[in-house]
Amino acid sequence: MMSMTDTGSHSVTGDACALAEDFAQGRSDPVQALDKALQQAARADHVFISMSIERARREAEASAARWQQG
């Protein structure tokens, strides 16, 4: 499987197991996954009424810290 950092093409809606593997191997982290999701959301005109970006970023950062701790 390809990782986000290897190709920059990992789908946000792709395989959650592949994302978890990337996180576990240090190839990516939840903050990078969030950034990718936000980039894709920005390109999708009129799809989202609102987004809780600040909350998502806090949660992604907390998750990244947990992944680093093991």
N, C-alpha and C. Protein backbone atom coordinates (compact mmCIF):
# COMPACT_ATOMS: atom_id res chain seq x y z
N MET A 1 0.83 -1.19 0.00
CA MET A 1 0.00 0.00 0.00
C MET A 1 0.87 1.25 0.00
N MET A 2 0.37 2.30 -0.59
CA MET A 2 1.09 3.57 -0.63
C MET A 2 0.66 4.43 0.54
N SER A 3 1.57 5.20 1.07
CA SER A 3 1.23 6.08 2.18
C SER A 3 1.03 7.50 1.66
N MET A 4 0.43 8.33 2.51
CA MET A 4 0.22 9.73 2.16
C MET A 4 1.54 10.41 1.83
N THR A 5 2.54 10.15 2.64
CA THR A 5 3.81 10.85 2.45
C THR A 5 4.58 10.31 1.26
N ASP A 6 4.35 9.07 0.88
CA ASP A 6 5.06 8.51 -0.27
C ASP A 6 4.56 9.10 -1.58
N THR A 7 3.25 9.27 -1.70
CA THR A 7 2.69 9.69 -2.97
C THR A 7 1.88 10.97 -2.90
N GLY A 8 1.45 11.34 -1.71
CA GLY A 8 0.58 12.49 -1.59
C GLY A 8 -0.80 12.23 -2.14
N SER A 9 -1.14 10.97 -2.39
CA SER A 9 -2.41 10.67 -3.03
C SER A 9 -3.32 9.79 -2.18
N HIS A 10 -2.98 9.55 -0.96
CA HIS A 10 -3.80 8.70 -0.09
C HIS A 10 -5.16 9.36 0.08
N SER A 11 -6.19 8.65 -0.23
CA SER A 11 -7.54 9.19 -0.12
C SER A 11 -7.95 9.30 1.33
N VAL A 12 -8.58 10.41 1.67
CA VAL A 12 -9.09 10.59 3.03
C VAL A 12 -10.13 9.53 3.31
N THR A 13 -10.92 9.17 2.32
CA THR A 13 -11.95 8.15 2.51
C THR A 13 -11.42 6.76 2.23
N GLY A 14 -10.13 6.64 2.04
CA GLY A 14 -9.51 5.36 1.74
C GLY A 14 -9.50 4.43 2.94
N ASP A 15 -8.66 3.49 2.88
CA ASP A 15 -8.55 2.42 3.85
C ASP A 15 -8.07 2.93 5.20
N ALA A 16 -8.93 2.84 6.20
CA ALA A 16 -8.57 3.29 7.55
C ALA A 16 -7.43 2.46 8.11
N CYS A 17 -7.37 1.19 7.75
CA CYS A 17 -6.27 0.34 8.21
C CYS A 17 -4.94 0.81 7.65
N ALA A 18 -4.94 1.27 6.40
CA ALA A 18 -3.70 1.79 5.80
C ALA A 18 -3.27 3.07 6.50
N LEU A 19 -4.23 3.92 6.83
CA LEU A 19 -3.90 5.14 7.58
C LEU A 19 -3.29 4.79 8.93
N ALA A 20 -3.91 3.85 9.64
CA ALA A 20 -3.40 3.44 10.95
C ALA A 20 -1.99 2.86 10.82
N GLU A 21 -1.75 2.10 9.77
CA GLU A 21 -0.41 1.54 9.54
C GLU A 21 0.60 2.66 9.28
N ASP A 22 0.20 3.66 8.48
CA ASP A 22 1.08 4.81 8.24
C ASP A 22 1.40 5.53 9.54
N PHE A 23 0.40 5.70 10.40
CA PHE A 23 0.62 6.35 11.69
C PHE A 23 1.59 5.51 12.53
N ALA A 24 1.34 4.21 12.60
CA ALA A 24 2.17 3.32 13.42
C ALA A 24 3.62 3.28 12.94
N GLN A 25 3.83 3.37 11.63
CA GLN A 25 5.18 3.32 11.06
C GLN A 25 5.84 4.70 11.00
N GLY A 26 5.12 5.74 11.41
CA GLY A 26 5.69 7.09 11.40
C GLY A 26 5.75 7.73 10.02
N ARG A 27 5.06 7.14 9.05
CA ARG A 27 5.05 7.71 7.70
C ARG A 27 4.08 8.88 7.58
N SER A 28 3.16 8.97 8.50
CA SER A 28 2.16 10.02 8.52
C SER A 28 1.67 10.15 9.95
N ASP A 29 0.83 11.14 10.21
CA ASP A 29 0.21 11.28 11.52
C ASP A 29 -1.17 11.92 11.36
N PRO A 30 -1.96 11.94 12.41
CA PRO A 30 -3.31 12.48 12.30
C PRO A 30 -3.36 13.95 11.85
N VAL A 31 -2.37 14.73 12.20
CA VAL A 31 -2.35 16.14 11.77
C VAL A 31 -2.17 16.21 10.25
N GLN A 32 -1.29 15.39 9.71
CA GLN A 32 -1.11 15.36 8.25
C GLN A 32 -2.38 14.87 7.56
N ALA A 33 -3.04 13.87 8.15
CA ALA A 33 -4.29 13.36 7.58
C ALA A 33 -5.36 14.44 7.60
N LEU A 34 -5.43 15.20 8.69
CA LEU A 34 -6.39 16.30 8.77
C LEU A 34 -6.09 17.35 7.71
N ASP A 35 -4.84 17.72 7.57
CA ASP A 35 -4.47 18.71 6.56
C ASP A 35 -4.90 18.26 5.17
N LYS A 36 -4.70 16.98 4.87
CA LYS A 36 -5.11 16.43 3.57
C LYS A 36 -6.63 16.50 3.42
N ALA A 37 -7.35 16.15 4.47
CA ALA A 37 -8.81 16.20 4.43
C ALA A 37 -9.31 17.63 4.23
N LEU A 38 -8.68 18.58 4.90
CA LEU A 38 -9.08 19.99 4.76
C LEU A 38 -8.79 20.50 3.35
N GLN A 39 -7.68 20.07 2.76
CA GLN A 39 -7.38 20.45 1.38
C GLN A 39 -8.45 19.92 0.43
N GLN A 40 -8.85 18.68 0.64
CA GLN A 40 -9.87 18.09 -0.22
C GLN A 40 -11.22 18.77 0.00
N ALA A 41 -11.53 19.11 1.24
CA ALA A 41 -12.79 19.78 1.53
C ALA A 41 -12.84 21.16 0.90
N ALA A 42 -11.71 21.85 0.88
CA ALA A 42 -11.65 23.19 0.28
C ALA A 42 -11.92 23.14 -1.22
N ARG A 43 -11.57 22.04 -1.85
CA ARG A 43 -11.80 21.90 -3.29
C ARG A 43 -13.23 21.48 -3.62
N ALA A 44 -13.98 21.05 -2.62
CA ALA A 44 -15.35 20.58 -2.83
C ALA A 44 -16.33 21.72 -2.53
N ASP A 45 -16.62 22.50 -3.55
CA ASP A 45 -17.50 23.66 -3.39
C ASP A 45 -18.90 23.24 -2.93
N HIS A 46 -19.40 23.97 -1.95
CA HIS A 46 -20.78 23.85 -1.48
C HIS A 46 -21.13 22.46 -0.94
N VAL A 47 -20.15 21.75 -0.43
CA VAL A 47 -20.41 20.43 0.13
C VAL A 47 -20.66 20.52 1.63
N PHE A 48 -19.91 21.38 2.31
CA PHE A 48 -20.01 21.49 3.76
C PHE A 48 -20.67 22.81 4.14
N ILE A 49 -21.62 22.74 5.07
CA ILE A 49 -22.24 23.96 5.59
C ILE A 49 -21.29 24.62 6.58
N SER A 50 -20.70 23.82 7.44
CA SER A 50 -19.72 24.34 8.40
C SER A 50 -18.76 23.22 8.78
N MET A 51 -17.59 23.63 9.25
CA MET A 51 -16.60 22.67 9.72
C MET A 51 -16.02 23.19 11.03
N SER A 52 -15.72 22.29 11.93
CA SER A 52 -15.11 22.62 13.22
C SER A 52 -13.60 22.40 13.11
N ILE A 53 -12.96 23.28 12.36
CA ILE A 53 -11.54 23.09 12.06
C ILE A 53 -10.67 23.18 13.31
N GLU A 54 -10.96 24.14 14.18
CA GLU A 54 -10.14 24.29 15.39
C GLU A 54 -10.25 23.05 16.27
N ARG A 55 -11.47 22.54 16.43
CA ARG A 55 -11.67 21.32 17.23
C ARG A 55 -10.97 20.14 16.57
N ALA A 56 -11.12 20.01 15.27
CA ALA A 56 -10.48 18.90 14.55
C ALA A 56 -8.96 18.96 14.72
N ARG A 57 -8.39 20.16 14.65
CA ARG A 57 -6.94 20.30 14.80
C ARG A 57 -6.51 19.91 16.22
N ARG A 58 -7.26 20.36 17.23
CA ARG A 58 -6.93 19.97 18.62
C ARG A 58 -6.96 18.45 18.78
N GLU A 59 -8.00 17.84 18.23
CA GLU A 59 -8.14 16.39 18.36
C GLU A 59 -7.05 15.65 17.58
N ALA A 60 -6.70 16.16 16.41
CA ALA A 60 -5.64 15.54 15.61
C ALA A 60 -4.30 15.65 16.33
N GLU A 61 -4.03 16.81 16.92
CA GLU A 61 -2.77 16.99 17.66
C GLU A 61 -2.71 16.07 18.87
N ALA A 62 -3.83 15.92 19.58
CA ALA A 62 -3.86 15.02 20.73
C ALA A 62 -3.65 13.57 20.28
N SER A 63 -4.27 13.20 19.18
CA SER A 63 -4.10 11.85 18.64
C SER A 63 -2.66 11.61 18.21
N ALA A 64 -2.06 12.59 17.55
CA ALA A 64 -0.66 12.47 17.12
C ALA A 64 0.25 12.25 18.33
N ALA A 65 -0.02 12.96 19.41
CA ALA A 65 0.79 12.79 20.63
C ALA A 65 0.64 11.38 21.18
N ARG A 66 -0.58 10.84 21.14
CA ARG A 66 -0.79 9.46 21.62
C ARG A 66 -0.05 8.47 20.73
N TRP A 67 -0.07 8.67 19.42
CA TRP A 67 0.66 7.77 18.51
C TRP A 67 2.16 7.83 18.81
N GLN A 68 2.68 9.01 19.10
CA GLN A 68 4.12 9.14 19.40
C GLN A 68 4.49 8.42 20.68
N GLN A 69 3.56 8.41 21.64
CA GLN A 69 3.82 7.74 22.92
C GLN A 69 3.72 6.22 22.79
N GLY A 70 3.08 5.78 21.74
CA GLY A 70 2.94 4.33 21.52
C GLY A 70 1.67 3.86 22.06
